[in-house]
Amino acid sequence: MHALNKNRPLRRVLLASATTVSGIVLLLALKPHTGPTVVTDSVAPAPSSSASAAPEASSGTGGSTKSTGTKTVTGDTVQTRWGPVQVRVTIKSGKITDVTAVQYPQDNPRDQEINSYALPQLRSEALAAQSASIDTVSGATYTSQGYQQSLQSALDSAGL
């Protein structure tokens, strides 16, 4: 007797259903492999004779103050589902004058596409709000949340 005998249609349905469910479970369990990436700061530091604003190894924050009262602070690195997010804030006379994303997900073309529109929006919102209370960019929720958290840690370190 064969397992898919025509005299037993219920057995065929049950076997087909079990095979389908097993296939779906295997597909959902499959996760694409993404190796660790080294993200470097591509922004050249502003010319000054004082120390640079490179992050410290232990806390992830650092800063420098120029003679003009400009302070640059790097926020904590926030681990998100798609990769680390870290921002650097420049403050002059108590106002945020610049926000730069130092680290952000860019492992694949989709990350690059999302962040090409999300990061400029997050930057302009942070400059307009003068705080970390900014809206999440649709389609870039994890990056937006990491950006907000890193921005808040930088502002906390700067005393704002």
N, C-alpha and C. Protein backbone atom coordinates (compact mmCIF):
# COMPACT_ATOMS: atom_id res chain seq x y z
N MET A 1 0.83 -1.19 0.00
CA MET A 1 0.00 0.00 0.00
C MET A 1 0.87 1.25 0.00
N HIS A 2 0.48 2.17 -0.76
CA HIS A 2 1.19 3.43 -0.89
C HIS A 2 0.61 4.45 0.07
N ALA A 3 1.46 5.37 0.60
CA ALA A 3 1.00 6.35 1.60
C ALA A 3 -0.05 7.29 1.04
N LEU A 4 -0.01 7.55 -0.26
CA LEU A 4 -0.97 8.45 -0.87
C LEU A 4 -2.03 7.66 -1.64
N ASN A 5 -2.49 6.59 -1.09
CA ASN A 5 -3.49 5.72 -1.70
C ASN A 5 -4.76 6.52 -1.98
N LYS A 6 -5.34 6.31 -3.15
CA LYS A 6 -6.54 7.06 -3.53
C LYS A 6 -7.74 6.70 -2.67
N ASN A 7 -7.69 5.59 -1.99
CA ASN A 7 -8.79 5.20 -1.13
C ASN A 7 -8.77 5.97 0.19
N ARG A 8 -7.71 6.70 0.46
CA ARG A 8 -7.59 7.44 1.72
C ARG A 8 -7.26 8.92 1.43
N PRO A 9 -8.23 9.73 0.98
CA PRO A 9 -7.97 11.14 0.64
C PRO A 9 -7.61 11.99 1.87
N LEU A 10 -8.12 11.63 3.03
CA LEU A 10 -7.80 12.39 4.24
C LEU A 10 -6.32 12.29 4.56
N ARG A 11 -5.73 11.15 4.32
CA ARG A 11 -4.31 10.97 4.56
C ARG A 11 -3.50 11.89 3.63
N ARG A 12 -3.91 12.02 2.38
CA ARG A 12 -3.22 12.91 1.44
C ARG A 12 -3.31 14.37 1.89
N VAL A 13 -4.49 14.78 2.31
CA VAL A 13 -4.68 16.16 2.77
C VAL A 13 -3.83 16.43 3.99
N LEU A 14 -3.82 15.51 4.91
CA LEU A 14 -3.04 15.67 6.14
C LEU A 14 -1.55 15.74 5.83
N LEU A 15 -1.07 14.87 4.95
CA LEU A 15 0.35 14.88 4.58
C LEU A 15 0.73 16.16 3.84
N ALA A 16 -0.12 16.62 2.94
CA ALA A 16 0.14 17.86 2.20
C ALA A 16 0.15 19.06 3.14
N SER A 17 -0.78 19.09 4.09
CA SER A 17 -0.84 20.19 5.07
C SER A 17 0.40 20.20 5.95
N ALA A 18 0.80 19.03 6.42
CA ALA A 18 1.99 18.96 7.28
C ALA A 18 3.23 19.39 6.52
N THR A 19 3.34 19.02 5.27
CA THR A 19 4.48 19.43 4.45
C THR A 19 4.49 20.93 4.24
N THR A 20 3.34 21.51 3.97
CA THR A 20 3.24 22.96 3.78
C THR A 20 3.61 23.72 5.05
N VAL A 21 3.08 23.30 6.18
CA VAL A 21 3.39 23.95 7.45
C VAL A 21 4.87 23.84 7.76
N SER A 22 5.45 22.68 7.53
CA SER A 22 6.89 22.50 7.77
C SER A 22 7.71 23.42 6.88
N GLY A 23 7.34 23.55 5.64
CA GLY A 23 8.04 24.44 4.72
C GLY A 23 7.96 25.90 5.14
N ILE A 24 6.79 26.32 5.58
CA ILE A 24 6.62 27.71 6.02
C ILE A 24 7.44 27.98 7.28
N VAL A 25 7.44 27.05 8.22
CA VAL A 25 8.22 27.21 9.44
C VAL A 25 9.71 27.32 9.10
N LEU A 26 10.18 26.49 8.20
CA LEU A 26 11.59 26.56 7.80
C LEU A 26 11.91 27.89 7.13
N LEU A 27 11.02 28.38 6.27
CA LEU A 27 11.25 29.68 5.62
C LEU A 27 11.29 30.82 6.62
N LEU A 28 10.37 30.80 7.59
CA LEU A 28 10.34 31.87 8.58
C LEU A 28 11.54 31.82 9.53
N ALA A 29 12.09 30.65 9.72
CA ALA A 29 13.25 30.50 10.59
C ALA A 29 14.53 30.92 9.90
N LEU A 30 14.52 31.01 8.58
CA LEU A 30 15.70 31.38 7.82
C LEU A 30 15.99 32.86 8.00
N LYS A 31 17.18 33.19 8.44
CA LYS A 31 17.57 34.58 8.62
C LYS A 31 18.80 34.84 7.75
N PRO A 32 18.79 35.91 7.00
CA PRO A 32 19.94 36.19 6.16
C PRO A 32 21.17 36.49 7.01
N HIS A 33 22.29 36.03 6.58
CA HIS A 33 23.53 36.23 7.30
C HIS A 33 24.09 37.61 6.99
N THR A 34 24.34 38.38 8.02
CA THR A 34 25.03 39.65 7.86
C THR A 34 26.18 39.65 8.84
N GLY A 35 27.35 39.76 8.32
CA GLY A 35 28.54 39.77 9.16
C GLY A 35 28.71 41.11 9.83
N PRO A 36 29.56 41.17 10.83
CA PRO A 36 29.82 42.44 11.49
C PRO A 36 30.53 43.39 10.55
N THR A 37 30.19 44.66 10.65
CA THR A 37 30.83 45.65 9.80
C THR A 37 31.55 46.67 10.66
N VAL A 38 32.59 47.20 10.12
CA VAL A 38 33.34 48.24 10.80
C VAL A 38 32.90 49.55 10.18
N VAL A 39 32.33 50.41 10.99
CA VAL A 39 31.86 51.69 10.51
C VAL A 39 32.86 52.74 10.96
N THR A 40 33.35 53.50 10.02
CA THR A 40 34.31 54.54 10.34
C THR A 40 33.69 55.90 10.16
N ASP A 41 34.23 56.86 10.82
CA ASP A 41 33.76 58.23 10.73
C ASP A 41 34.27 58.82 9.43
N SER A 42 33.34 59.16 8.53
CA SER A 42 33.75 59.72 7.24
C SER A 42 33.74 61.25 7.25
N VAL A 43 33.39 61.84 8.39
CA VAL A 43 33.35 63.29 8.50
C VAL A 43 34.70 63.79 8.99
N ALA A 44 35.28 64.71 8.25
CA ALA A 44 36.56 65.28 8.67
C ALA A 44 36.33 66.22 9.84
N PRO A 45 37.16 66.18 10.86
CA PRO A 45 36.96 67.06 12.00
C PRO A 45 37.22 68.51 11.61
N ALA A 46 36.52 69.39 12.28
CA ALA A 46 36.71 70.81 12.03
C ALA A 46 38.12 71.21 12.46
N PRO A 47 38.76 72.11 11.70
CA PRO A 47 40.11 72.48 12.07
C PRO A 47 40.13 73.25 13.39
N SER A 48 40.88 72.75 14.32
CA SER A 48 41.06 73.44 15.59
C SER A 48 42.32 72.90 16.26
N SER A 49 42.83 73.64 17.18
CA SER A 49 44.04 73.22 17.87
C SER A 49 43.71 72.39 19.11
N SER A 50 42.43 72.27 19.45
CA SER A 50 42.05 71.50 20.63
C SER A 50 41.86 70.04 20.27
N ALA A 51 41.55 69.22 21.29
CA ALA A 51 41.38 67.78 21.10
C ALA A 51 40.19 67.49 20.20
N SER A 52 40.23 66.36 19.50
CA SER A 52 39.12 66.01 18.62
C SER A 52 37.98 65.45 19.43
N ALA A 53 36.82 65.28 18.77
CA ALA A 53 35.62 64.81 19.44
C ALA A 53 35.42 63.32 19.24
N ALA A 54 36.48 62.56 19.27
CA ALA A 54 36.36 61.11 19.10
C ALA A 54 35.73 60.50 20.33
N PRO A 55 34.91 59.47 20.15
CA PRO A 55 34.26 58.86 21.30
C PRO A 55 35.26 58.13 22.19
N GLU A 56 34.99 58.16 23.50
CA GLU A 56 35.82 57.43 24.44
C GLU A 56 35.41 55.97 24.40
N ALA A 57 36.33 55.09 24.72
CA ALA A 57 36.05 53.66 24.62
C ALA A 57 35.02 53.20 25.64
N SER A 58 35.03 53.75 26.84
CA SER A 58 34.17 53.21 27.88
C SER A 58 32.75 53.75 27.82
N SER A 59 32.55 55.04 27.67
CA SER A 59 31.20 55.56 27.74
C SER A 59 30.59 55.87 26.40
N GLY A 60 31.40 56.00 25.37
CA GLY A 60 30.87 56.31 24.05
C GLY A 60 30.63 57.78 23.83
N THR A 61 31.03 58.63 24.80
CA THR A 61 30.84 60.06 24.62
C THR A 61 32.17 60.76 24.77
N GLY A 62 32.26 61.87 24.15
CA GLY A 62 33.47 62.68 24.24
C GLY A 62 33.15 64.05 23.73
N GLY A 63 34.05 65.00 23.86
CA GLY A 63 33.75 66.33 23.36
C GLY A 63 34.95 67.22 23.37
N SER A 64 34.81 68.34 22.70
CA SER A 64 35.86 69.34 22.69
C SER A 64 35.20 70.70 22.69
N THR A 65 35.89 71.67 23.22
CA THR A 65 35.38 73.02 23.26
C THR A 65 36.41 73.93 22.61
N LYS A 66 35.97 74.67 21.64
CA LYS A 66 36.85 75.64 20.99
C LYS A 66 36.76 76.95 21.75
N SER A 67 37.63 77.88 21.41
CA SER A 67 37.63 79.16 22.09
C SER A 67 36.37 79.97 21.77
N THR A 68 35.63 79.61 20.72
CA THR A 68 34.42 80.34 20.35
C THR A 68 33.19 79.86 21.11
N GLY A 69 33.34 78.87 22.01
CA GLY A 69 32.20 78.36 22.77
C GLY A 69 31.46 77.25 22.04
N THR A 70 32.07 76.69 21.03
CA THR A 70 31.45 75.57 20.30
C THR A 70 31.89 74.27 20.94
N LYS A 71 30.91 73.42 21.21
CA LYS A 71 31.18 72.13 21.84
C LYS A 71 30.66 71.04 20.91
N THR A 72 31.48 70.01 20.71
CA THR A 72 31.08 68.86 19.90
C THR A 72 31.07 67.64 20.81
N VAL A 73 29.92 66.96 20.84
CA VAL A 73 29.75 65.80 21.72
C VAL A 73 29.23 64.63 20.89
N THR A 74 29.83 63.47 21.10
CA THR A 74 29.38 62.25 20.42
C THR A 74 28.55 61.44 21.39
N GLY A 75 27.36 61.06 20.97
CA GLY A 75 26.45 60.29 21.81
C GLY A 75 26.85 58.83 21.90
N ASP A 76 26.17 58.11 22.78
CA ASP A 76 26.40 56.67 22.93
C ASP A 76 26.03 55.94 21.65
N THR A 77 26.69 54.82 21.42
CA THR A 77 26.33 53.95 20.31
C THR A 77 25.13 53.12 20.74
N VAL A 78 24.05 53.19 19.99
CA VAL A 78 22.83 52.47 20.31
C VAL A 78 22.70 51.30 19.34
N GLN A 79 22.61 50.09 19.88
CA GLN A 79 22.46 48.91 19.04
C GLN A 79 20.98 48.75 18.66
N THR A 80 20.70 48.72 17.37
CA THR A 80 19.34 48.52 16.89
C THR A 80 19.25 47.16 16.21
N ARG A 81 18.08 46.81 15.80
CA ARG A 81 17.87 45.53 15.12
C ARG A 81 18.72 45.41 13.86
N TRP A 82 18.94 46.51 13.17
CA TRP A 82 19.66 46.48 11.89
C TRP A 82 21.09 46.96 11.99
N GLY A 83 21.54 47.38 13.15
CA GLY A 83 22.93 47.80 13.32
C GLY A 83 23.05 48.98 14.26
N PRO A 84 24.29 49.38 14.56
CA PRO A 84 24.51 50.47 15.51
C PRO A 84 24.17 51.84 14.92
N VAL A 85 23.71 52.72 15.80
CA VAL A 85 23.43 54.11 15.43
C VAL A 85 24.12 55.00 16.45
N GLN A 86 24.84 56.00 15.95
CA GLN A 86 25.52 56.95 16.83
C GLN A 86 25.53 58.31 16.15
N VAL A 87 25.30 59.36 16.93
CA VAL A 87 25.30 60.72 16.37
C VAL A 87 26.28 61.62 17.11
N ARG A 88 26.71 62.64 16.42
CA ARG A 88 27.60 63.66 16.98
C ARG A 88 26.86 65.00 16.87
N VAL A 89 26.87 65.75 17.96
CA VAL A 89 26.15 67.01 18.03
C VAL A 89 27.15 68.16 18.22
N THR A 90 26.94 69.23 17.49
CA THR A 90 27.73 70.45 17.68
C THR A 90 26.81 71.51 18.29
N ILE A 91 27.27 72.09 19.39
CA ILE A 91 26.47 73.06 20.13
C ILE A 91 27.26 74.36 20.23
N LYS A 92 26.61 75.45 19.90
CA LYS A 92 27.24 76.76 20.00
C LYS A 92 26.29 77.69 20.75
N SER A 93 26.76 78.27 21.81
CA SER A 93 25.98 79.19 22.64
C SER A 93 24.67 78.56 23.11
N GLY A 94 24.73 77.28 23.47
CA GLY A 94 23.55 76.60 23.99
C GLY A 94 22.56 76.14 22.94
N LYS A 95 22.87 76.32 21.66
CA LYS A 95 21.97 75.90 20.59
C LYS A 95 22.62 74.81 19.76
N ILE A 96 21.82 73.85 19.32
CA ILE A 96 22.31 72.80 18.45
C ILE A 96 22.50 73.39 17.05
N THR A 97 23.74 73.36 16.58
CA THR A 97 24.02 73.92 15.25
C THR A 97 24.25 72.85 14.20
N ASP A 98 24.56 71.62 14.63
CA ASP A 98 24.77 70.55 13.67
C ASP A 98 24.58 69.20 14.36
N VAL A 99 24.02 68.25 13.62
CA VAL A 99 23.87 66.88 14.07
C VAL A 99 24.34 66.00 12.93
N THR A 100 25.30 65.13 13.22
CA THR A 100 25.85 64.24 12.20
C THR A 100 25.73 62.80 12.65
N ALA A 101 25.26 61.94 11.77
CA ALA A 101 25.21 60.51 12.06
C ALA A 101 26.60 59.94 11.83
N VAL A 102 27.22 59.45 12.90
CA VAL A 102 28.56 58.88 12.82
C VAL A 102 28.49 57.42 12.40
N GLN A 103 27.56 56.67 13.01
CA GLN A 103 27.34 55.27 12.67
C GLN A 103 25.86 55.08 12.38
N TYR A 104 25.58 54.28 11.39
CA TYR A 104 24.20 53.93 11.06
C TYR A 104 24.23 52.70 10.17
N PRO A 105 23.11 51.94 10.12
CA PRO A 105 23.09 50.72 9.31
C PRO A 105 23.31 51.04 7.83
N GLN A 106 24.27 50.36 7.23
CA GLN A 106 24.55 50.55 5.81
C GLN A 106 25.13 49.28 5.19
N ASP A 107 24.73 48.13 5.76
CA ASP A 107 25.26 46.84 5.32
C ASP A 107 24.79 46.42 3.94
N ASN A 108 23.58 46.82 3.56
CA ASN A 108 23.05 46.36 2.29
C ASN A 108 22.36 47.52 1.56
N PRO A 109 22.02 47.34 0.31
CA PRO A 109 21.39 48.43 -0.45
C PRO A 109 20.10 48.95 0.16
N ARG A 110 19.33 48.07 0.81
CA ARG A 110 18.09 48.52 1.44
C ARG A 110 18.38 49.46 2.61
N ASP A 111 19.36 49.13 3.44
CA ASP A 111 19.77 50.02 4.53
C ASP A 111 20.20 51.37 3.97
N GLN A 112 20.99 51.33 2.92
CA GLN A 112 21.49 52.57 2.32
C GLN A 112 20.35 53.42 1.77
N GLU A 113 19.38 52.76 1.14
CA GLU A 113 18.23 53.48 0.59
C GLU A 113 17.41 54.14 1.70
N ILE A 114 17.12 53.37 2.74
CA ILE A 114 16.31 53.90 3.84
C ILE A 114 17.02 55.08 4.51
N ASN A 115 18.29 54.90 4.82
CA ASN A 115 19.01 55.95 5.54
C ASN A 115 19.33 57.16 4.69
N SER A 116 19.32 57.01 3.37
CA SER A 116 19.57 58.16 2.50
C SER A 116 18.45 59.20 2.62
N TYR A 117 17.23 58.75 2.94
CA TYR A 117 16.16 59.73 3.15
C TYR A 117 15.86 59.95 4.63
N ALA A 118 16.13 58.97 5.48
CA ALA A 118 15.77 59.10 6.90
C ALA A 118 16.72 60.02 7.65
N LEU A 119 18.03 59.87 7.43
CA LEU A 119 19.00 60.67 8.20
C LEU A 119 18.88 62.17 7.97
N PRO A 120 18.70 62.64 6.72
CA PRO A 120 18.50 64.09 6.55
C PRO A 120 17.23 64.60 7.25
N GLN A 121 16.17 63.78 7.24
CA GLN A 121 14.94 64.19 7.93
C GLN A 121 15.16 64.25 9.44
N LEU A 122 15.83 63.25 9.99
CA LEU A 122 16.10 63.24 11.43
C LEU A 122 16.97 64.43 11.82
N ARG A 123 17.97 64.74 10.99
CA ARG A 123 18.86 65.86 11.27
C ARG A 123 18.08 67.18 11.28
N SER A 124 17.26 67.40 10.25
CA SER A 124 16.53 68.67 10.18
C SER A 124 15.52 68.79 11.32
N GLU A 125 14.90 67.67 11.72
CA GLU A 125 13.97 67.72 12.85
C GLU A 125 14.69 68.03 14.15
N ALA A 126 15.87 67.45 14.34
CA ALA A 126 16.64 67.72 15.56
C ALA A 126 17.07 69.18 15.61
N LEU A 127 17.48 69.73 14.48
CA LEU A 127 17.88 71.13 14.45
C LEU A 127 16.68 72.05 14.69
N ALA A 128 15.52 71.70 14.16
CA ALA A 128 14.32 72.51 14.35
C ALA A 128 13.82 72.40 15.79
N ALA A 129 13.83 71.20 16.36
CA ALA A 129 13.31 70.98 17.72
C ALA A 129 14.29 71.43 18.79
N GLN A 130 15.59 71.47 18.45
CA GLN A 130 16.64 71.79 19.42
C GLN A 130 16.61 70.83 20.61
N SER A 131 16.20 69.60 20.33
CA SER A 131 16.16 68.56 21.37
C SER A 131 16.10 67.21 20.69
N ALA A 132 16.01 66.16 21.50
CA ALA A 132 15.88 64.81 20.97
C ALA A 132 14.42 64.40 20.82
N SER A 133 13.51 65.31 21.08
CA SER A 133 12.07 65.04 20.93
C SER A 133 11.69 65.24 19.47
N ILE A 134 12.01 64.24 18.66
CA ILE A 134 11.76 64.33 17.23
C ILE A 134 10.87 63.17 16.80
N ASP A 135 10.20 63.35 15.67
CA ASP A 135 9.32 62.32 15.14
C ASP A 135 10.12 61.18 14.52
N THR A 136 9.54 60.01 14.57
CA THR A 136 10.13 58.84 13.92
C THR A 136 9.85 58.91 12.43
N VAL A 137 10.83 58.58 11.62
CA VAL A 137 10.66 58.57 10.18
C VAL A 137 10.01 57.25 9.78
N SER A 138 8.93 57.34 9.04
CA SER A 138 8.22 56.15 8.59
C SER A 138 9.12 55.30 7.71
N GLY A 139 9.20 54.02 8.02
CA GLY A 139 10.04 53.11 7.26
C GLY A 139 11.44 52.97 7.83
N ALA A 140 11.77 53.81 8.80
CA ALA A 140 13.09 53.77 9.43
C ALA A 140 12.92 53.85 10.94
N THR A 141 12.01 53.07 11.46
CA THR A 141 11.66 53.14 12.88
C THR A 141 12.84 52.83 13.79
N TYR A 142 13.56 51.74 13.51
CA TYR A 142 14.66 51.34 14.38
C TYR A 142 15.79 52.36 14.33
N THR A 143 16.12 52.83 13.14
CA THR A 143 17.16 53.85 13.00
C THR A 143 16.74 55.14 13.71
N SER A 144 15.47 55.52 13.57
CA SER A 144 14.96 56.73 14.23
C SER A 144 15.07 56.64 15.74
N GLN A 145 14.70 55.48 16.28
CA GLN A 145 14.77 55.31 17.74
C GLN A 145 16.21 55.33 18.22
N GLY A 146 17.10 54.68 17.50
CA GLY A 146 18.52 54.71 17.86
C GLY A 146 19.09 56.11 17.76
N TYR A 147 18.69 56.85 16.73
CA TYR A 147 19.12 58.23 16.52
C TYR A 147 18.68 59.10 17.70
N GLN A 148 17.41 58.95 18.11
CA GLN A 148 16.89 59.73 19.23
C GLN A 148 17.65 59.42 20.52
N GLN A 149 17.89 58.13 20.79
CA GLN A 149 18.59 57.75 22.01
C GLN A 149 20.03 58.25 22.03
N SER A 150 20.73 58.13 20.91
CA SER A 150 22.10 58.61 20.85
C SER A 150 22.15 60.13 20.95
N LEU A 151 21.20 60.80 20.31
CA LEU A 151 21.11 62.25 20.39
C LEU A 151 20.86 62.71 21.82
N GLN A 152 19.96 62.02 22.51
CA GLN A 152 19.66 62.37 23.90
C GLN A 152 20.89 62.17 24.78
N SER A 153 21.65 61.10 24.56
CA SER A 153 22.84 60.87 25.38
C SER A 153 23.88 61.95 25.10
N ALA A 154 23.99 62.40 23.85
CA ALA A 154 24.94 63.47 23.54
C ALA A 154 24.51 64.78 24.20
N LEU A 155 23.21 65.07 24.16
CA LEU A 155 22.71 66.30 24.78
C LEU A 155 22.87 66.24 26.30
N ASP A 156 22.67 65.06 26.88
CA ASP A 156 22.88 64.89 28.32
C ASP A 156 24.34 65.14 28.68
N SER A 157 25.25 64.62 27.86
CA SER A 157 26.69 64.80 28.11
C SER A 157 27.09 66.26 27.96
N ALA A 158 26.41 66.95 27.06
CA ALA A 158 26.71 68.37 26.84
C ALA A 158 26.07 69.27 27.90
N GLY A 159 25.17 68.71 28.71
CA GLY A 159 24.54 69.50 29.75
C GLY A 159 23.32 70.25 29.27
N LEU A 160 22.73 69.81 28.18
CA LEU A 160 21.50 70.48 27.68
C LEU A 160 20.26 69.71 28.06
